[in-house]
Amino acid sequence: MAKKQKKNSGGTPATVALTTAGTAYTLHAYEHDPAAASYGDEAAEALGVSPDRVFKTLVADVDGELTVAVVPVAGQLDLKALAAAVGGKRATMADPAAAERTTGYVRGGISPLGQRKRLRTVLDDSASAHETICVSAGRRGLEVELSPRDLAALTAAVLAPIGRG
């Protein structure tokens, strides 16, 4: 994988975080269709990547604390499993405005990297079956490909079976 050298010339907070950390990654841009029904499915199709290797970033509320869940676009988030993964009792999807305000990203472009406020993060354990995975690079139409180990290390993520379907 290529390591991008540009510091912040047009980069997103996610790519800046990767570059600053010295992490190897590949950036993939595609033309985002505002009418797309699913941002994740659109990304997988546009990049020609299996949907089990493209992961979506969701923000949930676990017992009053915003928590990031990173799961394959091919499935759904299991809220009970997410709560259990972080020692919580109950999880619900976060209010979209709160998710955007807290992460600094817009819905459909929320990256697990470079968030305005660092949130607890859980990465679905299926990620470890792949050499690389793709996650949002911080805006719609831009994905970053990196190793799941690097993603987990940079976000201090817990690996747990939080995806289903």
Protein backbone atom coordinates (compact mmCIF):
# COMPACT_ATOMS: atom_id res chain seq x y z
CA MET A 1 0.00 0.00 0.00
CA ALA A 2 1.14 3.50 -0.72
CA LYS A 3 1.74 5.91 2.11
CA LYS A 4 0.51 9.39 1.37
CA GLN A 5 3.09 12.08 2.08
CA LYS A 6 1.01 15.24 1.86
CA LYS A 7 0.44 16.79 5.25
CA ASN A 8 -2.82 18.72 4.87
CA SER A 9 -3.12 19.89 1.31
CA GLY A 10 -6.78 19.08 0.85
CA GLY A 11 -6.65 16.20 3.33
CA THR A 12 -9.34 15.31 5.80
CA PRO A 13 -8.75 14.98 9.55
CA ALA A 14 -8.67 11.20 8.95
CA THR A 15 -5.90 11.34 6.34
CA VAL A 16 -3.98 13.89 8.40
CA ALA A 17 -4.18 11.52 11.42
CA LEU A 18 -2.91 8.61 9.30
CA THR A 19 -0.07 10.64 7.83
CA THR A 20 0.93 12.03 11.23
CA ALA A 21 0.98 8.51 12.69
CA GLY A 22 3.12 7.26 9.78
CA THR A 23 0.52 4.62 8.93
CA ALA A 24 0.47 3.01 5.48
CA TYR A 25 -2.79 3.54 3.64
CA THR A 26 -4.30 3.93 0.19
CA LEU A 27 -6.83 6.61 -0.60
CA HIS A 28 -9.73 5.77 -2.93
CA ALA A 29 -11.92 8.53 -4.36
CA TYR A 30 -15.12 7.97 -6.32
CA GLU A 31 -17.99 10.08 -7.57
CA HIS A 32 -20.60 10.10 -4.79
CA ASP A 33 -24.23 9.91 -5.94
CA PRO A 34 -26.44 11.95 -3.56
CA ALA A 35 -29.37 9.68 -4.49
CA ALA A 36 -27.54 6.50 -3.37
CA ALA A 37 -29.65 4.47 -0.94
CA SER A 38 -26.61 3.25 1.04
CA TYR A 39 -23.30 5.09 1.30
CA GLY A 40 -21.45 1.86 2.15
CA ASP A 41 -22.91 -0.21 -0.67
CA GLU A 42 -22.20 2.66 -3.05
CA ALA A 43 -18.55 2.73 -1.93
CA ALA A 44 -18.11 -1.04 -2.31
CA GLU A 45 -19.58 -0.99 -5.80
CA ALA A 46 -17.67 2.10 -6.93
CA LEU A 47 -14.36 0.70 -5.67
CA GLY A 48 -14.99 -2.83 -6.92
CA VAL A 49 -14.37 -4.17 -3.42
CA SER A 50 -16.31 -6.94 -1.71
CA PRO A 51 -18.88 -5.45 0.74
CA ASP A 52 -17.40 -7.59 3.54
CA ARG A 53 -14.16 -5.54 3.22
CA VAL A 54 -15.85 -2.13 3.25
CA PHE A 55 -16.77 -1.03 6.75
CA LYS A 56 -19.24 1.65 7.79
CA THR A 57 -18.77 3.88 10.81
CA LEU A 58 -21.84 4.21 12.99
CA VAL A 59 -22.25 6.22 16.17
CA ALA A 60 -24.37 4.77 18.95
CA ASP A 61 -25.32 5.85 22.44
CA VAL A 62 -24.30 3.24 25.00
CA ASP A 63 -25.68 4.08 28.44
CA GLY A 64 -25.41 7.80 27.69
CA GLU A 65 -21.93 7.71 26.12
CA LEU A 66 -21.37 8.05 22.39
CA THR A 67 -19.53 5.04 21.00
CA VAL A 68 -18.25 4.31 17.51
CA ALA A 69 -19.09 0.98 15.87
CA VAL A 70 -17.25 -0.08 12.71
CA VAL A 71 -19.05 -2.91 10.90
CA PRO A 72 -19.12 -4.35 7.36
CA VAL A 73 -21.50 -2.56 5.00
CA ALA A 74 -22.80 -6.01 4.02
CA GLY A 75 -24.45 -6.38 7.43
CA GLN A 76 -25.96 -4.47 10.33
CA LEU A 77 -24.88 -3.38 13.77
CA ASP A 78 -26.02 -5.60 16.64
CA LEU A 79 -26.74 -3.00 19.34
CA LYS A 80 -26.88 -5.56 22.16
CA ALA A 81 -23.48 -6.93 21.15
CA LEU A 82 -22.05 -3.39 20.99
CA ALA A 83 -23.29 -2.61 24.50
CA ALA A 84 -21.81 -5.88 25.78
CA ALA A 85 -18.46 -5.19 24.05
CA VAL A 86 -17.97 -2.01 26.07
CA GLY A 87 -19.48 -3.29 29.31
CA GLY A 88 -22.74 -1.40 28.84
CA LYS A 89 -26.33 -2.38 29.34
CA ARG A 90 -28.20 -0.66 26.50
CA ALA A 91 -27.29 0.82 23.13
CA THR A 92 -29.33 2.86 20.68
CA MET A 93 -28.34 4.68 17.53
CA ALA A 94 -27.10 8.17 18.34
CA ASP A 95 -28.93 11.27 17.22
CA PRO A 96 -27.41 12.11 13.80
CA ALA A 97 -26.83 15.77 14.74
CA ALA A 98 -24.99 14.73 17.93
CA ALA A 99 -22.89 12.24 15.94
CA GLU A 100 -21.93 14.91 13.41
CA ARG A 101 -21.22 17.55 16.06
CA THR A 102 -19.09 15.20 18.17
CA THR A 103 -17.10 13.58 15.36
CA GLY A 104 -16.74 16.66 13.16
CA TYR A 105 -17.93 14.70 10.12
CA VAL A 106 -21.19 14.62 8.16
CA ARG A 107 -23.41 11.55 8.04
CA GLY A 108 -22.25 9.22 5.29
CA GLY A 109 -18.73 10.55 5.72
CA ILE A 110 -18.01 9.78 9.37
CA SER A 111 -14.58 8.24 9.71
CA PRO A 112 -13.38 6.31 12.74
CA LEU A 113 -10.12 8.28 12.37
CA GLY A 114 -9.40 11.93 13.14
CA GLN A 115 -12.62 12.63 15.00
CA ARG A 116 -13.06 15.96 16.76
CA LYS A 117 -13.59 14.13 20.07
CA ARG A 118 -12.07 10.69 20.51
CA LEU A 119 -14.86 8.21 21.20
CA ARG A 120 -14.76 4.63 22.40
CA THR A 121 -14.50 2.48 19.31
CA VAL A 122 -15.47 -1.12 18.61
CA LEU A 123 -14.36 -2.81 15.39
CA ASP A 124 -16.25 -5.88 14.24
CA ASP A 125 -13.94 -8.85 14.64
CA SER A 126 -14.61 -9.96 11.04
CA ALA A 127 -12.14 -7.23 10.02
CA SER A 128 -9.25 -9.38 11.21
CA ALA A 129 -10.02 -11.91 8.44
CA HIS A 130 -8.79 -9.37 5.86
CA GLU A 131 -5.33 -8.02 5.07
CA THR A 132 -6.89 -4.60 4.45
CA ILE A 133 -10.29 -3.02 4.89
CA CYS A 134 -11.83 0.24 3.67
CA VAL A 135 -13.41 2.86 5.90
CA SER A 136 -14.56 6.41 5.27
CA ALA A 137 -11.72 8.87 4.89
CA GLY A 138 -13.89 11.66 6.24
CA ARG A 139 -16.19 12.68 3.43
CA ARG A 140 -18.67 11.08 1.08
CA GLY A 141 -16.90 9.66 -1.95
CA LEU A 142 -13.57 9.11 -0.20
CA GLU A 143 -12.44 5.84 1.38
CA VAL A 144 -9.16 4.88 3.01
CA GLU A 145 -7.79 1.33 2.79
CA LEU A 146 -5.59 0.16 5.64
CA SER A 147 -4.86 -2.88 7.75
CA PRO A 148 -7.45 -3.63 10.44
CA ARG A 149 -4.58 -3.88 12.95
CA ASP A 150 -3.54 -0.31 12.18
CA LEU A 151 -7.14 0.91 12.41
CA ALA A 152 -7.59 -0.79 15.77
CA ALA A 153 -4.30 0.62 17.08
CA LEU A 154 -5.01 4.19 15.93
CA THR A 155 -8.53 4.24 17.40
CA ALA A 156 -7.76 2.12 20.49
CA ALA A 157 -10.59 -0.10 19.27
CA VAL A 158 -11.90 -3.20 20.95
CA LEU A 159 -12.43 -6.09 18.51
CA ALA A 160 -15.75 -7.84 19.11
CA PRO A 161 -18.49 -9.61 17.12
CA ILE A 162 -20.83 -6.61 16.76
CA GLY A 163 -22.00 -7.13 13.18
CA ARG A 164 -24.78 -9.40 12.01
CA GLY A 165 -26.25 -10.48 8.72
